[in-house]
Amino acid sequence: MEKSIKLAKRDQALIDSLQIGTKKELVTNPFSGYSVELEPEALALYDYIKGCEASGFNDKLRQGLYVFRKKWPNEYMSLLD
């Protein structure tokens, strides 16, 4: 469940720039096999993070990970840690 937190302007701008769908989706950690259902906003950020990882955009990757960890710490530990 999303924490109600206030993000810095830069971090909120990242969230605002994402294409956010309307449905939740089950995402599986490829290493542990653990699955988590992500709400649309978290799913959009997760996809952004994985895209940055694959493309080598390390600064954007770090920012995405920071925001994800701040807003969805339990999901972060299950999927991205």
Protein backbone atom coordinates (compact mmCIF):
# COMPACT_ATOMS: atom_id res chain seq x y z
CA MET A 1 0.00 0.00 0.00
CA GLU A 2 1.27 3.45 -0.90
CA LYS A 3 2.50 5.66 1.88
CA SER A 4 1.05 9.15 1.96
CA ILE A 5 4.25 11.14 1.65
CA LYS A 6 5.28 14.42 0.13
CA LEU A 7 7.95 14.06 -2.52
CA ALA A 8 10.52 16.66 -3.50
CA LYS A 9 9.56 18.59 -6.65
CA ARG A 10 12.12 16.70 -8.76
CA ASP A 11 10.80 13.34 -7.57
CA GLN A 12 7.16 14.33 -8.05
CA ALA A 13 8.03 15.54 -11.56
CA LEU A 14 9.31 12.03 -12.34
CA ILE A 15 6.01 10.48 -11.22
CA ASP A 16 4.05 13.10 -13.17
CA SER A 17 6.01 12.33 -16.36
CA LEU A 18 5.04 8.64 -16.39
CA GLN A 19 2.24 7.09 -18.40
CA ILE A 20 0.12 5.57 -15.67
CA GLY A 21 -2.42 2.92 -16.54
CA THR A 22 -5.61 2.04 -14.72
CA LYS A 23 -5.13 -1.60 -13.68
CA LYS A 24 -3.03 -3.34 -11.07
CA GLU A 25 -0.58 -5.96 -12.28
CA LEU A 26 1.29 -8.85 -10.72
CA VAL A 27 5.07 -8.43 -11.01
CA THR A 28 7.54 -11.21 -10.21
CA ASN A 29 11.12 -10.80 -9.05
CA PRO A 30 13.12 -12.87 -11.57
CA PHE A 31 15.71 -13.82 -8.96
CA SER A 32 13.55 -14.79 -5.98
CA GLY A 33 10.35 -15.73 -7.77
CA TYR A 34 8.39 -13.62 -5.28
CA SER A 35 5.38 -11.82 -6.79
CA VAL A 36 3.72 -8.56 -5.77
CA GLU A 37 0.63 -6.86 -7.15
CA LEU A 38 1.49 -3.25 -7.99
CA GLU A 39 -0.97 -0.39 -8.26
CA PRO A 40 -0.81 1.51 -11.58
CA GLU A 41 1.48 4.32 -10.34
CA ALA A 42 3.95 1.86 -8.82
CA LEU A 43 3.82 -0.29 -11.94
CA ALA A 44 4.63 2.69 -14.17
CA LEU A 45 7.61 3.58 -11.99
CA TYR A 46 8.75 -0.05 -11.88
CA ASP A 47 8.69 -0.18 -15.70
CA TYR A 48 10.61 3.10 -15.84
CA ILE A 49 13.25 1.72 -13.47
CA LYS A 50 13.66 -1.50 -15.47
CA GLY A 51 13.95 0.54 -18.69
CA CYS A 52 16.64 2.77 -17.17
CA GLU A 53 18.47 -0.32 -15.94
CA ALA A 54 18.44 -1.92 -19.40
CA SER A 55 19.50 1.32 -21.11
CA GLY A 56 22.29 2.24 -18.69
CA PHE A 57 20.70 5.52 -17.54
CA ASN A 58 22.23 5.26 -14.07
CA ASP A 59 21.28 8.71 -12.72
CA LYS A 60 17.64 8.22 -13.72
CA LEU A 61 17.77 4.67 -12.37
CA ARG A 62 18.98 5.88 -8.96
CA GLN A 63 16.28 8.55 -8.79
CA GLY A 64 13.60 6.03 -9.76
CA LEU A 65 14.80 3.55 -7.15
CA TYR A 66 14.84 6.28 -4.50
CA VAL A 67 11.25 7.32 -5.24
CA PHE A 68 10.03 3.71 -5.40
CA ARG A 69 11.74 2.86 -2.12
CA LYS A 70 10.25 5.95 -0.46
CA LYS A 71 6.66 5.39 -1.66
CA TRP A 72 6.49 1.57 -1.70
CA PRO A 73 9.14 0.22 0.71
CA ASN A 74 7.68 -3.30 1.07
CA GLU A 75 7.26 -3.73 -2.68
CA TYR A 76 10.78 -2.34 -3.19
CA MET A 77 12.24 -4.96 -0.84
CA SER A 78 10.37 -7.72 -2.68
CA LEU A 79 11.10 -6.66 -6.25
CA LEU A 80 14.10 -4.38 -6.49
CA ASP A 81 16.38 -4.85 -3.48
